[in-house]
Amino acid sequence: MTEYTLYYWPIPFRGHFIRYILAHVGARWEEPSFDTVVAAKNAPVSQQPYPFLAPPMIHDHATGKRLSQMPAIAMYLGRKHKLIGDPDESLRLLCDASDILHEITRSHGAQMWDRAAWDDFTETRLPRWMRLHERVASQIKLSATTPNLCCLTLAALWHTMIDKLPRLRPLLHANAPGVEALTDKIAARAEIAAMLETWQGDGPRYCGGQIEASLLEMLQDAEGG
């Protein structure tokens, strides 16, 4: 029996923050087709079962609750499935993640990457985010043995990034080796690894569209082709 319906695009990006949680707790969920998500998103507000602007949006069939916005969904699932240790740090890391996704996609594709902007980002902002999370993970003593919402959030953020954009792994290793190790272990857990296996196909790697192509161009050029 389906427990949840997750409305999101067929890409990792924000969706993996929710998928990591659902997989970790052993939930059964379905994801409607791209066309169904588009129709739900674009329906007149007065006709939407739940008013939302853009996915992700989740429907909890047990309670009837619907909710949009990735941090809100993650906090809801974290509370329901007793994954929240420190709620303040949990929300902080989810908000950090949203900021990082906004930055790495240049305001979600408002601009494409050019070499000067990419070099500045990967030499300053992105390493600083990594070092910040390395310190946070150490201070709040996160463990892959009993992952909480903070662990799952960091894994969905950083492991997804270095898995789908593997030329960024050396940067994470240099700036946040503890986070790298933590997130690798979480992604290797059987229930999460099984979920991730379904995302190894020929579709978009990370965020899709022109901005993904722009990212891949920068990473390819950095290695000399």
N, C-alpha and C. Protein backbone atom coordinates (compact mmCIF):
# COMPACT_ATOMS: atom_id res chain seq x y z
N MET A 1 0.84 -1.20 0.00
CA MET A 1 0.00 0.00 0.00
C MET A 1 0.88 1.25 0.00
N THR A 2 0.56 2.19 -0.89
CA THR A 2 1.34 3.43 -0.96
C THR A 2 1.08 4.30 0.26
N GLU A 3 2.15 4.73 0.91
CA GLU A 3 2.02 5.59 2.08
C GLU A 3 2.12 7.06 1.73
N TYR A 4 2.91 7.37 0.70
CA TYR A 4 3.13 8.76 0.32
C TYR A 4 3.11 8.87 -1.21
N THR A 5 2.74 10.04 -1.68
CA THR A 5 2.96 10.41 -3.07
C THR A 5 3.86 11.63 -3.06
N LEU A 6 4.97 11.53 -3.77
CA LEU A 6 5.92 12.63 -3.86
C LEU A 6 5.83 13.23 -5.26
N TYR A 7 5.43 14.47 -5.32
CA TYR A 7 5.38 15.19 -6.58
C TYR A 7 6.71 15.93 -6.77
N TYR A 8 7.49 15.43 -7.70
CA TYR A 8 8.76 16.09 -8.00
C TYR A 8 9.20 15.65 -9.39
N TRP A 9 10.15 16.41 -9.94
CA TRP A 9 10.68 16.08 -11.25
C TRP A 9 11.54 14.82 -11.18
N PRO A 10 11.72 14.13 -12.31
CA PRO A 10 12.53 12.91 -12.31
C PRO A 10 14.04 13.23 -12.32
N ILE A 11 14.48 13.93 -11.30
CA ILE A 11 15.88 14.29 -11.11
C ILE A 11 16.21 14.14 -9.63
N PRO A 12 17.49 14.02 -9.28
CA PRO A 12 17.87 13.96 -7.85
C PRO A 12 17.61 15.28 -7.12
N PHE A 13 18.45 16.24 -7.27
CA PHE A 13 18.38 17.60 -6.76
C PHE A 13 17.58 17.71 -5.44
N ARG A 14 16.49 18.47 -5.39
CA ARG A 14 15.72 18.58 -4.15
C ARG A 14 15.00 17.29 -3.80
N GLY A 15 14.67 16.49 -4.79
CA GLY A 15 13.92 15.27 -4.53
C GLY A 15 14.63 14.30 -3.62
N HIS A 16 15.96 14.24 -3.72
CA HIS A 16 16.69 13.26 -2.92
C HIS A 16 16.63 13.56 -1.42
N PHE A 17 16.41 14.81 -1.05
CA PHE A 17 16.27 15.11 0.38
C PHE A 17 15.06 14.38 0.95
N ILE A 18 14.00 14.28 0.17
CA ILE A 18 12.80 13.58 0.62
C ILE A 18 12.98 12.08 0.42
N ARG A 19 13.55 11.68 -0.70
CA ARG A 19 13.73 10.25 -0.98
C ARG A 19 14.64 9.58 0.05
N TYR A 20 15.70 10.27 0.46
CA TYR A 20 16.59 9.70 1.48
C TYR A 20 15.80 9.37 2.75
N ILE A 21 14.94 10.28 3.18
CA ILE A 21 14.16 10.06 4.40
C ILE A 21 13.20 8.90 4.21
N LEU A 22 12.45 8.91 3.11
CA LEU A 22 11.47 7.86 2.88
C LEU A 22 12.14 6.50 2.77
N ALA A 23 13.26 6.43 2.07
CA ALA A 23 13.98 5.16 1.96
C ALA A 23 14.49 4.70 3.32
N HIS A 24 15.04 5.64 4.09
CA HIS A 24 15.61 5.28 5.38
C HIS A 24 14.57 4.69 6.33
N VAL A 25 13.36 5.21 6.30
CA VAL A 25 12.32 4.72 7.23
C VAL A 25 11.53 3.55 6.63
N GLY A 26 11.89 3.13 5.43
CA GLY A 26 11.21 1.99 4.82
C GLY A 26 9.82 2.31 4.31
N ALA A 27 9.56 3.56 3.98
CA ALA A 27 8.24 3.95 3.50
C ALA A 27 8.02 3.48 2.06
N ARG A 28 6.77 3.31 1.72
CA ARG A 28 6.38 2.99 0.34
C ARG A 28 5.79 4.25 -0.26
N TRP A 29 6.35 4.67 -1.39
CA TRP A 29 5.84 5.89 -2.01
C TRP A 29 5.83 5.77 -3.52
N GLU A 30 5.05 6.62 -4.14
CA GLU A 30 5.02 6.67 -5.59
C GLU A 30 5.33 8.09 -6.03
N GLU A 31 5.81 8.20 -7.27
CA GLU A 31 6.10 9.50 -7.85
C GLU A 31 5.38 9.58 -9.19
N PRO A 32 4.41 10.48 -9.30
CA PRO A 32 3.65 10.59 -10.54
C PRO A 32 4.53 10.98 -11.72
N SER A 33 3.99 10.83 -12.91
CA SER A 33 4.72 11.15 -14.13
C SER A 33 5.02 12.64 -14.21
N PHE A 34 5.97 12.97 -15.07
CA PHE A 34 6.33 14.37 -15.31
C PHE A 34 5.10 15.18 -15.68
N ASP A 35 4.28 14.66 -16.59
CA ASP A 35 3.09 15.40 -17.03
C ASP A 35 2.10 15.62 -15.89
N THR A 36 1.98 14.64 -15.01
CA THR A 36 1.08 14.78 -13.86
C THR A 36 1.59 15.86 -12.91
N VAL A 37 2.90 15.90 -12.71
CA VAL A 37 3.48 16.93 -11.83
C VAL A 37 3.25 18.31 -12.45
N VAL A 38 3.49 18.43 -13.74
CA VAL A 38 3.26 19.71 -14.42
C VAL A 38 1.81 20.15 -14.28
N ALA A 39 0.88 19.22 -14.48
CA ALA A 39 -0.55 19.55 -14.38
C ALA A 39 -0.90 20.00 -12.97
N ALA A 40 -0.38 19.31 -11.95
CA ALA A 40 -0.66 19.69 -10.56
C ALA A 40 -0.08 21.06 -10.24
N LYS A 41 1.13 21.31 -10.72
CA LYS A 41 1.81 22.58 -10.48
C LYS A 41 1.08 23.74 -11.15
N ASN A 42 0.61 23.53 -12.37
CA ASN A 42 0.04 24.62 -13.16
C ASN A 42 -1.47 24.79 -13.01
N ALA A 43 -2.11 23.93 -12.26
CA ALA A 43 -3.56 24.05 -12.08
C ALA A 43 -3.90 25.38 -11.40
N PRO A 44 -5.05 25.96 -11.72
CA PRO A 44 -5.45 27.17 -11.00
C PRO A 44 -5.43 26.94 -9.49
N VAL A 45 -4.99 27.91 -8.76
CA VAL A 45 -4.86 27.76 -7.31
C VAL A 45 -6.17 27.27 -6.69
N SER A 46 -7.27 27.77 -7.17
CA SER A 46 -8.57 27.39 -6.61
C SER A 46 -8.91 25.93 -6.85
N GLN A 47 -8.21 25.28 -7.81
CA GLN A 47 -8.50 23.89 -8.15
C GLN A 47 -7.45 22.92 -7.62
N GLN A 48 -6.38 23.43 -7.04
CA GLN A 48 -5.36 22.55 -6.47
C GLN A 48 -5.86 21.96 -5.15
N PRO A 49 -5.70 20.65 -4.93
CA PRO A 49 -6.05 20.08 -3.63
C PRO A 49 -5.27 20.73 -2.50
N TYR A 50 -4.05 21.15 -2.84
CA TYR A 50 -3.20 21.87 -1.88
C TYR A 50 -2.51 22.98 -2.66
N PRO A 51 -2.59 24.23 -2.21
CA PRO A 51 -1.99 25.33 -2.98
C PRO A 51 -0.47 25.32 -2.88
N PHE A 52 0.19 25.15 -4.02
CA PHE A 52 1.65 25.19 -4.02
C PHE A 52 2.11 25.72 -5.36
N LEU A 53 3.31 26.33 -5.34
CA LEU A 53 3.84 26.97 -6.54
C LEU A 53 4.69 26.02 -7.37
N ALA A 54 5.50 25.22 -6.70
CA ALA A 54 6.43 24.34 -7.41
C ALA A 54 6.75 23.13 -6.54
N PRO A 55 7.07 22.00 -7.18
CA PRO A 55 7.48 20.83 -6.40
C PRO A 55 8.84 21.05 -5.75
N PRO A 56 9.16 20.27 -4.71
CA PRO A 56 8.43 19.09 -4.25
C PRO A 56 7.18 19.40 -3.45
N MET A 57 6.24 18.48 -3.56
CA MET A 57 5.04 18.48 -2.72
C MET A 57 4.76 17.03 -2.36
N ILE A 58 4.38 16.80 -1.12
CA ILE A 58 4.13 15.43 -0.68
C ILE A 58 2.69 15.29 -0.19
N HIS A 59 2.16 14.11 -0.38
CA HIS A 59 0.83 13.76 0.12
C HIS A 59 1.00 12.55 1.03
N ASP A 60 0.70 12.72 2.29
CA ASP A 60 0.74 11.63 3.28
C ASP A 60 -0.64 10.98 3.28
N HIS A 61 -0.73 9.78 2.76
CA HIS A 61 -2.04 9.14 2.62
C HIS A 61 -2.63 8.72 3.96
N ALA A 62 -1.79 8.48 4.95
CA ALA A 62 -2.30 8.06 6.25
C ALA A 62 -3.05 9.19 6.95
N THR A 63 -2.57 10.40 6.79
CA THR A 63 -3.17 11.53 7.50
C THR A 63 -3.95 12.46 6.58
N GLY A 64 -3.73 12.31 5.26
CA GLY A 64 -4.35 13.21 4.30
C GLY A 64 -3.59 14.51 4.13
N LYS A 65 -2.52 14.68 4.88
CA LYS A 65 -1.78 15.94 4.84
C LYS A 65 -1.00 16.07 3.55
N ARG A 66 -1.03 17.29 3.00
CA ARG A 66 -0.19 17.66 1.87
C ARG A 66 0.68 18.83 2.30
N LEU A 67 1.90 18.88 1.75
CA LEU A 67 2.83 19.92 2.17
C LEU A 67 3.84 20.14 1.06
N SER A 68 4.20 21.39 0.82
CA SER A 68 5.24 21.72 -0.16
C SER A 68 6.42 22.36 0.54
N GLN A 69 7.46 22.64 -0.24
CA GLN A 69 8.74 23.22 0.20
C GLN A 69 9.60 22.14 0.87
N MET A 70 10.76 21.90 0.28
CA MET A 70 11.64 20.83 0.75
C MET A 70 11.94 20.87 2.24
N PRO A 71 12.36 22.02 2.83
CA PRO A 71 12.64 22.00 4.27
C PRO A 71 11.41 21.66 5.11
N ALA A 72 10.25 22.16 4.71
CA ALA A 72 9.02 21.89 5.47
C ALA A 72 8.67 20.41 5.41
N ILE A 73 8.79 19.82 4.22
CA ILE A 73 8.49 18.39 4.07
C ILE A 73 9.45 17.56 4.92
N ALA A 74 10.74 17.88 4.84
CA ALA A 74 11.74 17.12 5.59
C ALA A 74 11.50 17.22 7.09
N MET A 75 11.16 18.41 7.57
CA MET A 75 10.89 18.56 9.00
C MET A 75 9.64 17.77 9.40
N TYR A 76 8.63 17.79 8.56
CA TYR A 76 7.41 17.03 8.84
C TYR A 76 7.71 15.54 8.94
N LEU A 77 8.42 15.02 7.95
CA LEU A 77 8.77 13.60 7.97
C LEU A 77 9.71 13.27 9.12
N GLY A 78 10.61 14.19 9.42
CA GLY A 78 11.52 13.97 10.54
C GLY A 78 10.79 13.85 11.86
N ARG A 79 9.81 14.73 12.07
CA ARG A 79 9.02 14.64 13.30
C ARG A 79 8.19 13.35 13.32
N LYS A 80 7.53 13.06 12.21
CA LYS A 80 6.65 11.89 12.17
C LYS A 80 7.42 10.60 12.42
N HIS A 81 8.61 10.51 11.86
CA HIS A 81 9.39 9.27 11.96
C HIS A 81 10.49 9.35 13.01
N LYS A 82 10.40 10.36 13.87
CA LYS A 82 11.30 10.47 15.03
C LYS A 82 12.79 10.48 14.62
N LEU A 83 13.08 11.33 13.66
CA LEU A 83 14.45 11.45 13.17
C LEU A 83 15.13 12.74 13.63
N ILE A 84 14.39 13.59 14.29
CA ILE A 84 14.94 14.90 14.64
C ILE A 84 15.63 14.83 16.00
N GLY A 85 16.92 15.14 16.00
CA GLY A 85 17.64 15.28 17.25
C GLY A 85 17.49 16.71 17.74
N ASP A 86 18.31 17.59 17.22
CA ASP A 86 18.21 19.01 17.52
C ASP A 86 17.40 19.66 16.40
N PRO A 87 16.17 20.11 16.68
CA PRO A 87 15.33 20.67 15.60
C PRO A 87 15.91 21.94 15.00
N ASP A 88 16.63 22.71 15.81
CA ASP A 88 17.21 23.94 15.29
C ASP A 88 18.32 23.64 14.28
N GLU A 89 19.19 22.70 14.62
CA GLU A 89 20.26 22.34 13.69
C GLU A 89 19.68 21.64 12.46
N SER A 90 18.63 20.84 12.64
CA SER A 90 18.00 20.17 11.50
C SER A 90 17.49 21.19 10.50
N LEU A 91 16.76 22.19 10.99
CA LEU A 91 16.22 23.21 10.10
C LEU A 91 17.33 24.05 9.51
N ARG A 92 18.33 24.35 10.30
CA ARG A 92 19.46 25.15 9.80
C ARG A 92 20.13 24.46 8.62
N LEU A 93 20.39 23.13 8.73
CA LEU A 93 21.06 22.43 7.65
C LEU A 93 20.18 22.32 6.41
N LEU A 94 18.89 22.17 6.60
CA LEU A 94 17.98 22.15 5.46
C LEU A 94 17.96 23.50 4.74
N CYS A 95 17.99 24.58 5.52
CA CYS A 95 18.04 25.91 4.91
C CYS A 95 19.38 26.15 4.23
N ASP A 96 20.47 25.69 4.86
CA ASP A 96 21.78 25.75 4.20
C ASP A 96 21.73 25.04 2.86
N ALA A 97 21.16 23.85 2.86
CA ALA A 97 21.09 23.06 1.64
C ALA A 97 20.34 23.81 0.54
N SER A 98 19.23 24.41 0.90
CA SER A 98 18.47 25.19 -0.09
C SER A 98 19.32 26.32 -0.66
N ASP A 99 20.09 26.98 0.21
CA ASP A 99 20.96 28.07 -0.25
C ASP A 99 22.03 27.54 -1.21
N ILE A 100 22.61 26.40 -0.87
CA ILE A 100 23.68 25.84 -1.70
C ILE A 100 23.14 25.42 -3.06
N LEU A 101 21.97 24.80 -3.08
CA LEU A 101 21.37 24.43 -4.37
C LEU A 101 21.07 25.67 -5.20
N HIS A 102 20.64 26.73 -4.53
CA HIS A 102 20.38 27.99 -5.23
C HIS A 102 21.67 28.53 -5.84
N GLU A 103 22.76 28.44 -5.09
CA GLU A 103 24.04 28.97 -5.57
C GLU A 103 24.64 28.14 -6.69
N ILE A 104 24.61 26.82 -6.53
CA ILE A 104 25.29 25.99 -7.53
C ILE A 104 24.55 25.99 -8.86
N THR A 105 23.27 26.35 -8.83
CA THR A 105 22.50 26.44 -10.08
C THR A 105 22.32 27.89 -10.53
N ARG A 106 23.06 28.81 -9.92
CA ARG A 106 22.99 30.23 -10.28
C ARG A 106 21.54 30.71 -10.31
N SER A 107 20.94 30.65 -9.12
CA SER A 107 19.53 31.06 -8.97
C SER A 107 18.62 30.20 -9.85
N HIS A 108 18.87 28.90 -9.81
CA HIS A 108 18.05 27.91 -10.53
C HIS A 108 18.00 28.19 -12.02
N GLY A 109 19.17 28.49 -12.56
CA GLY A 109 19.28 28.65 -14.01
C GLY A 109 19.00 30.04 -14.52
N ALA A 110 18.91 31.03 -13.63
CA ALA A 110 18.71 32.41 -14.10
C ALA A 110 19.89 32.86 -14.96
N GLN A 111 21.07 32.32 -14.63
CA GLN A 111 22.27 32.55 -15.44
C GLN A 111 22.96 31.21 -15.63
N MET A 112 23.71 31.10 -16.71
CA MET A 112 24.56 29.95 -16.91
C MET A 112 25.95 30.26 -16.34
N TRP A 113 26.70 29.20 -16.05
CA TRP A 113 28.05 29.39 -15.53
C TRP A 113 29.00 29.85 -16.63
N ASP A 114 29.91 30.73 -16.28
CA ASP A 114 31.06 31.05 -17.13
C ASP A 114 32.31 30.74 -16.31
N ARG A 115 33.43 30.68 -16.97
CA ARG A 115 34.65 30.22 -16.30
C ARG A 115 35.03 31.08 -15.11
N ALA A 116 34.95 32.38 -15.22
CA ALA A 116 35.35 33.25 -14.11
C ALA A 116 34.45 33.06 -12.91
N ALA A 117 33.14 32.99 -13.16
CA ALA A 117 32.20 32.83 -12.05
C ALA A 117 32.36 31.46 -11.39
N TRP A 118 32.55 30.41 -12.20
CA TRP A 118 32.71 29.07 -11.65
C TRP A 118 33.99 28.96 -10.83
N ASP A 119 35.07 29.50 -11.33
CA ASP A 119 36.32 29.45 -10.57
C ASP A 119 36.20 30.16 -9.24
N ASP A 120 35.53 31.31 -9.24
CA ASP A 120 35.34 32.03 -7.99
C ASP A 120 34.49 31.22 -7.02
N PHE A 121 33.42 30.61 -7.52
CA PHE A 121 32.52 29.82 -6.67
C PHE A 121 33.25 28.63 -6.06
N THR A 122 34.02 27.92 -6.87
CA THR A 122 34.67 26.71 -6.36
C THR A 122 35.95 26.98 -5.58
N GLU A 123 36.40 28.22 -5.61
CA GLU A 123 37.58 28.59 -4.82
C GLU A 123 37.20 29.29 -3.52
N THR A 124 35.97 29.81 -3.43
CA THR A 124 35.59 30.59 -2.26
C THR A 124 34.32 30.06 -1.60
N ARG A 125 33.18 30.28 -2.23
CA ARG A 125 31.90 29.99 -1.59
C ARG A 125 31.69 28.51 -1.31
N LEU A 126 31.88 27.66 -2.32
CA LEU A 126 31.60 26.24 -2.12
C LEU A 126 32.53 25.61 -1.08
N PRO A 127 33.84 25.86 -1.11
CA PRO A 127 34.69 25.32 -0.04
C PRO A 127 34.30 25.82 1.34
N ARG A 128 33.88 27.08 1.43
CA ARG A 128 33.46 27.60 2.74
C ARG A 128 32.23 26.86 3.26
N TRP A 129 31.25 26.62 2.38
CA TRP A 129 30.09 25.82 2.80
C TRP A 129 30.54 24.45 3.30
N MET A 130 31.46 23.84 2.60
CA MET A 130 31.94 22.52 3.01
C MET A 130 32.60 22.57 4.38
N ARG A 131 33.43 23.56 4.60
CA ARG A 131 34.11 23.67 5.90
C ARG A 131 33.12 23.97 7.02
N LEU A 132 32.11 24.75 6.74
CA LEU A 132 31.07 25.02 7.74
C LEU A 132 30.39 23.72 8.16
N HIS A 133 30.03 22.90 7.19
CA HIS A 133 29.32 21.66 7.52
C HIS A 133 30.24 20.64 8.17
N GLU A 134 31.51 20.68 7.85
CA GLU A 134 32.46 19.81 8.55
C GLU A 134 32.48 20.15 10.04
N ARG A 135 32.50 21.42 10.35
CA ARG A 135 32.51 21.82 11.76
C ARG A 135 31.19 21.49 12.44
N VAL A 136 30.08 21.75 11.78
CA VAL A 136 28.77 21.44 12.37
C VAL A 136 28.65 19.94 12.64
N ALA A 137 29.03 19.11 11.67
CA ALA A 137 28.93 17.66 11.84
C ALA A 137 29.76 17.19 13.03
N SER A 138 30.92 17.80 13.21
CA SER A 138 31.78 17.43 14.34
C SER A 138 31.19 17.90 15.66
N GLN A 139 30.68 19.12 15.68
CA GLN A 139 30.15 19.68 16.93
C GLN A 139 28.93 18.94 17.43
N ILE A 140 28.04 18.53 16.53
CA ILE A 140 26.82 17.87 16.99
C ILE A 140 26.95 16.35 16.92
N LYS A 141 28.18 15.88 16.63
CA LYS A 141 28.52 14.46 16.73
C LYS A 141 27.58 13.57 15.91
N LEU A 142 27.54 13.82 14.62
CA LEU A 142 26.69 13.02 13.75
C LEU A 142 27.32 11.65 13.50
N SER A 143 26.47 10.64 13.38
CA SER A 143 26.94 9.27 13.19
C SER A 143 26.13 8.58 12.10
N ALA A 144 26.82 7.84 11.24
CA ALA A 144 26.13 7.07 10.21
C ALA A 144 25.50 5.81 10.75
N THR A 145 25.83 5.46 11.98
CA THR A 145 25.27 4.24 12.58
C THR A 145 23.80 4.41 12.87
N THR A 146 23.42 5.57 13.39
CA THR A 146 22.02 5.87 13.67
C THR A 146 21.70 7.23 13.04
N PRO A 147 21.49 7.27 11.74
CA PRO A 147 21.30 8.55 11.06
C PRO A 147 20.05 9.29 11.53
N ASN A 148 20.21 10.57 11.78
CA ASN A 148 19.06 11.41 12.08
C ASN A 148 18.83 12.35 10.89
N LEU A 149 17.92 13.31 11.07
CA LEU A 149 17.60 14.18 9.95
C LEU A 149 18.80 15.01 9.50
N CYS A 150 19.64 15.42 10.43
CA CYS A 150 20.85 16.16 10.05
C CYS A 150 21.75 15.33 9.16
N CYS A 151 21.96 14.06 9.52
CA CYS A 151 22.79 13.16 8.71
C CYS A 151 22.20 12.98 7.32
N LEU A 152 20.91 12.73 7.26
CA LEU A 152 20.26 12.48 5.98
C LEU A 152 20.28 13.71 5.10
N THR A 153 20.17 14.88 5.72
CA THR A 153 20.23 16.13 4.96
C THR A 153 21.60 16.33 4.35
N LEU A 154 22.64 16.13 5.15
CA LEU A 154 24.00 16.29 4.62
C LEU A 154 24.29 15.28 3.52
N ALA A 155 23.80 14.05 3.69
CA ALA A 155 24.02 13.04 2.67
C ALA A 155 23.30 13.38 1.38
N ALA A 156 22.04 13.82 1.51
CA ALA A 156 21.28 14.18 0.31
C ALA A 156 21.92 15.36 -0.41
N LEU A 157 22.54 16.24 0.35
CA LEU A 157 23.21 17.40 -0.26
C LEU A 157 24.55 17.01 -0.88
N TRP A 158 25.46 16.55 -0.04
CA TRP A 158 26.85 16.40 -0.49
C TRP A 158 27.09 15.10 -1.25
N HIS A 159 26.51 13.99 -0.81
CA HIS A 159 26.74 12.76 -1.56
C HIS A 159 26.10 12.84 -2.93
N THR A 160 24.91 13.44 -3.02
CA THR A 160 24.30 13.60 -4.33
C THR A 160 25.19 14.43 -5.23
N MET A 161 25.76 15.49 -4.68
CA MET A 161 26.61 16.38 -5.48
C MET A 161 27.84 15.65 -6.00
N ILE A 162 28.55 14.94 -5.12
CA ILE A 162 29.79 14.31 -5.55
C ILE A 162 29.54 13.01 -6.32
N ASP A 163 28.36 12.43 -6.15
CA ASP A 163 28.01 11.24 -6.92
C ASP A 163 27.64 11.62 -8.35
N LYS A 164 26.85 12.68 -8.49
CA LYS A 164 26.39 13.09 -9.81
C LYS A 164 27.37 14.03 -10.52
N LEU A 165 28.18 14.73 -9.74
CA LEU A 165 29.21 15.61 -10.28
C LEU A 165 30.54 15.18 -9.67
N PRO A 166 31.04 14.00 -10.04
CA PRO A 166 32.16 13.39 -9.31
C PRO A 166 33.44 14.20 -9.30
N ARG A 167 33.62 15.12 -10.22
CA ARG A 167 34.84 15.92 -10.20
C ARG A 167 34.84 16.93 -9.06
N LEU A 168 33.72 17.01 -8.31
CA LEU A 168 33.70 17.85 -7.11
C LEU A 168 34.11 17.07 -5.85
N ARG A 169 34.27 15.75 -5.97
CA ARG A 169 34.65 14.98 -4.79
C ARG A 169 35.98 15.43 -4.20
N PRO A 170 37.03 15.66 -5.00
CA PRO A 170 38.29 16.10 -4.39
C PRO A 170 38.14 17.40 -3.59
N LEU A 171 37.26 18.28 -4.02
CA LEU A 171 37.05 19.52 -3.29
C LEU A 171 36.41 19.24 -1.93
N LEU A 172 35.42 18.34 -1.90
CA LEU A 172 34.81 17.98 -0.62
C LEU A 172 35.82 17.27 0.26
N HIS A 173 36.60 16.38 -0.31
CA HIS A 173 37.60 15.64 0.48
C HIS A 173 38.60 16.60 1.11
N ALA A 174 39.01 17.62 0.37
CA ALA A 174 40.00 18.56 0.89
C ALA A 174 39.44 19.45 1.98
N ASN A 175 38.16 19.76 1.92
CA ASN A 175 37.58 20.73 2.84
C ASN A 175 36.70 20.12 3.92
N ALA A 176 36.17 18.92 3.66
CA ALA A 176 35.25 18.32 4.64
C ALA A 176 35.37 16.79 4.58
N PRO A 177 36.54 16.25 4.92
CA PRO A 177 36.71 14.79 4.82
C PRO A 177 35.78 14.01 5.74
N GLY A 178 35.43 14.60 6.88
CA GLY A 178 34.50 13.93 7.79
C GLY A 178 33.11 13.84 7.20
N VAL A 179 32.67 14.92 6.57
CA VAL A 179 31.36 14.92 5.91
C VAL A 179 31.36 13.95 4.74
N GLU A 180 32.46 13.93 3.99
CA GLU A 180 32.57 12.97 2.88
C GLU A 180 32.40 11.54 3.37
N ALA A 181 33.11 11.19 4.43
CA ALA A 181 33.04 9.83 4.97
C ALA A 181 31.64 9.52 5.51
N LEU A 182 31.08 10.47 6.24
CA LEU A 182 29.74 10.29 6.82
C LEU A 182 28.71 10.04 5.72
N THR A 183 28.73 10.90 4.71
CA THR A 183 27.70 10.80 3.69
C THR A 183 27.89 9.57 2.80
N ASP A 184 29.12 9.16 2.57
CA ASP A 184 29.36 7.92 1.84
C ASP A 184 28.76 6.73 2.59
N LYS A 185 28.94 6.70 3.91
CA LYS A 185 28.42 5.59 4.70
C LYS A 185 26.89 5.58 4.70
N ILE A 186 26.28 6.75 4.78
CA ILE A 186 24.82 6.82 4.77
C ILE A 186 24.28 6.37 3.42
N ALA A 187 24.91 6.83 2.35
CA ALA A 187 24.46 6.45 1.01
C ALA A 187 24.64 4.95 0.75
N ALA A 188 25.57 4.32 1.47
CA ALA A 188 25.82 2.90 1.29
C ALA A 188 24.89 2.01 2.11
N ARG A 189 24.10 2.61 3.01
CA ARG A 189 23.15 1.81 3.77
C ARG A 189 22.18 1.13 2.81
N ALA A 190 21.81 -0.11 3.11
CA ALA A 190 21.09 -0.94 2.13
C ALA A 190 19.84 -0.27 1.59
N GLU A 191 19.04 0.31 2.48
CA GLU A 191 17.76 0.86 2.04
C GLU A 191 17.95 2.11 1.17
N ILE A 192 18.98 2.88 1.46
CA ILE A 192 19.25 4.08 0.66
C ILE A 192 19.97 3.70 -0.62
N ALA A 193 20.91 2.78 -0.54
CA ALA A 193 21.61 2.33 -1.74
C ALA A 193 20.63 1.76 -2.76
N ALA A 194 19.63 1.04 -2.29
CA ALA A 194 18.64 0.47 -3.20
C ALA A 194 17.86 1.58 -3.90
N MET A 195 17.52 2.64 -3.16
CA MET A 195 16.83 3.77 -3.77
C MET A 195 17.72 4.46 -4.80
N LEU A 196 18.97 4.67 -4.45
CA LEU A 196 19.89 5.37 -5.35
C LEU A 196 20.14 4.59 -6.63
N GLU A 197 20.06 3.28 -6.55
CA GLU A 197 20.30 2.44 -7.73
C GLU A 197 19.30 2.76 -8.84
N THR A 198 18.12 3.23 -8.46
CA THR A 198 17.12 3.56 -9.48
C THR A 198 17.44 4.87 -10.18
N TRP A 199 18.46 5.60 -9.71
CA TRP A 199 18.81 6.90 -10.29
C TRP A 199 20.14 6.83 -11.03
N GLN A 200 20.47 5.68 -11.57
CA GLN A 200 21.74 5.51 -12.28
C GLN A 200 21.54 5.40 -13.78
N GLY A 201 20.37 5.81 -14.28
CA GLY A 201 20.05 5.63 -15.69
C GLY A 201 20.60 6.73 -16.57
N ASP A 202 19.96 6.90 -17.71
CA ASP A 202 20.45 7.82 -18.73
C ASP A 202 19.80 9.21 -18.64
N GLY A 203 18.99 9.44 -17.64
CA GLY A 203 18.32 10.74 -17.51
C GLY A 203 19.26 11.80 -16.96
N PRO A 204 18.70 12.95 -16.58
CA PRO A 204 19.53 14.01 -16.00
C PRO A 204 20.32 13.51 -14.80
N ARG A 205 21.55 13.95 -14.69
CA ARG A 205 22.40 13.51 -13.58
C ARG A 205 22.02 14.15 -12.26
N TYR A 206 21.79 15.45 -12.29
CA TYR A 206 21.76 16.22 -11.04
C TYR A 206 20.53 17.12 -10.97
N CYS A 207 20.52 18.19 -11.75
CA CYS A 207 19.42 19.15 -11.69
C CYS A 207 18.71 19.32 -13.03
N GLY A 208 19.26 18.74 -14.08
CA GLY A 208 18.62 18.76 -15.38
C GLY A 208 18.74 20.08 -16.13
N GLY A 209 18.34 20.05 -17.39
CA GLY A 209 18.21 21.26 -18.18
C GLY A 209 19.52 21.91 -18.56
N GLN A 210 19.40 23.17 -18.96
CA GLN A 210 20.56 23.93 -19.43
C GLN A 210 21.57 24.18 -18.32
N ILE A 211 21.07 24.35 -17.08
CA ILE A 211 22.01 24.65 -16.00
C ILE A 211 22.87 23.43 -15.69
N GLU A 212 22.30 22.22 -15.82
CA GLU A 212 23.13 21.03 -15.64
C GLU A 212 24.19 20.96 -16.74
N ALA A 213 23.80 21.25 -17.96
CA ALA A 213 24.76 21.25 -19.06
C ALA A 213 25.87 22.27 -18.81
N SER A 214 25.51 23.41 -18.25
CA SER A 214 26.48 24.44 -17.92
C SER A 214 27.46 23.95 -16.85
N LEU A 215 26.92 23.28 -15.81
CA LEU A 215 27.77 22.72 -14.76
C LEU A 215 28.74 21.69 -15.33
N LEU A 216 28.22 20.79 -16.15
CA LEU A 216 29.07 19.74 -16.70
C LEU A 216 30.14 20.31 -17.61
N GLU A 217 29.82 21.37 -18.32
CA GLU A 217 30.82 22.03 -19.16
C GLU A 217 31.95 22.60 -18.32
N MET A 218 31.61 23.24 -17.20
CA MET A 218 32.64 23.80 -16.33
C MET A 218 33.53 22.69 -15.77
N LEU A 219 32.92 21.60 -15.35
CA LEU A 219 33.68 20.50 -14.75
C LEU A 219 34.55 19.80 -15.79
N GLN A 220 34.04 19.64 -16.97
CA GLN A 220 34.82 19.03 -18.04
C GLN A 220 36.00 19.90 -18.42
N ASP A 221 35.73 21.19 -18.57
CA ASP A 221 36.81 22.12 -18.94
C ASP A 221 37.89 22.16 -17.87
N ALA A 222 37.48 22.04 -16.59
CA ALA A 222 38.46 22.09 -15.49
C ALA A 222 39.46 20.94 -15.58
N GLU A 223 39.02 19.83 -16.20
CA GLU A 223 39.92 18.68 -16.33
C GLU A 223 40.60 18.64 -17.69
N GLY A 224 40.38 19.69 -18.48
CA GLY A 224 41.02 19.73 -19.77
C GLY A 224 40.34 18.88 -20.83
N GLY A 225 38.98 18.73 -20.67
CA GLY A 225 38.23 17.99 -21.69
C GLY A 225 37.89 16.59 -21.23
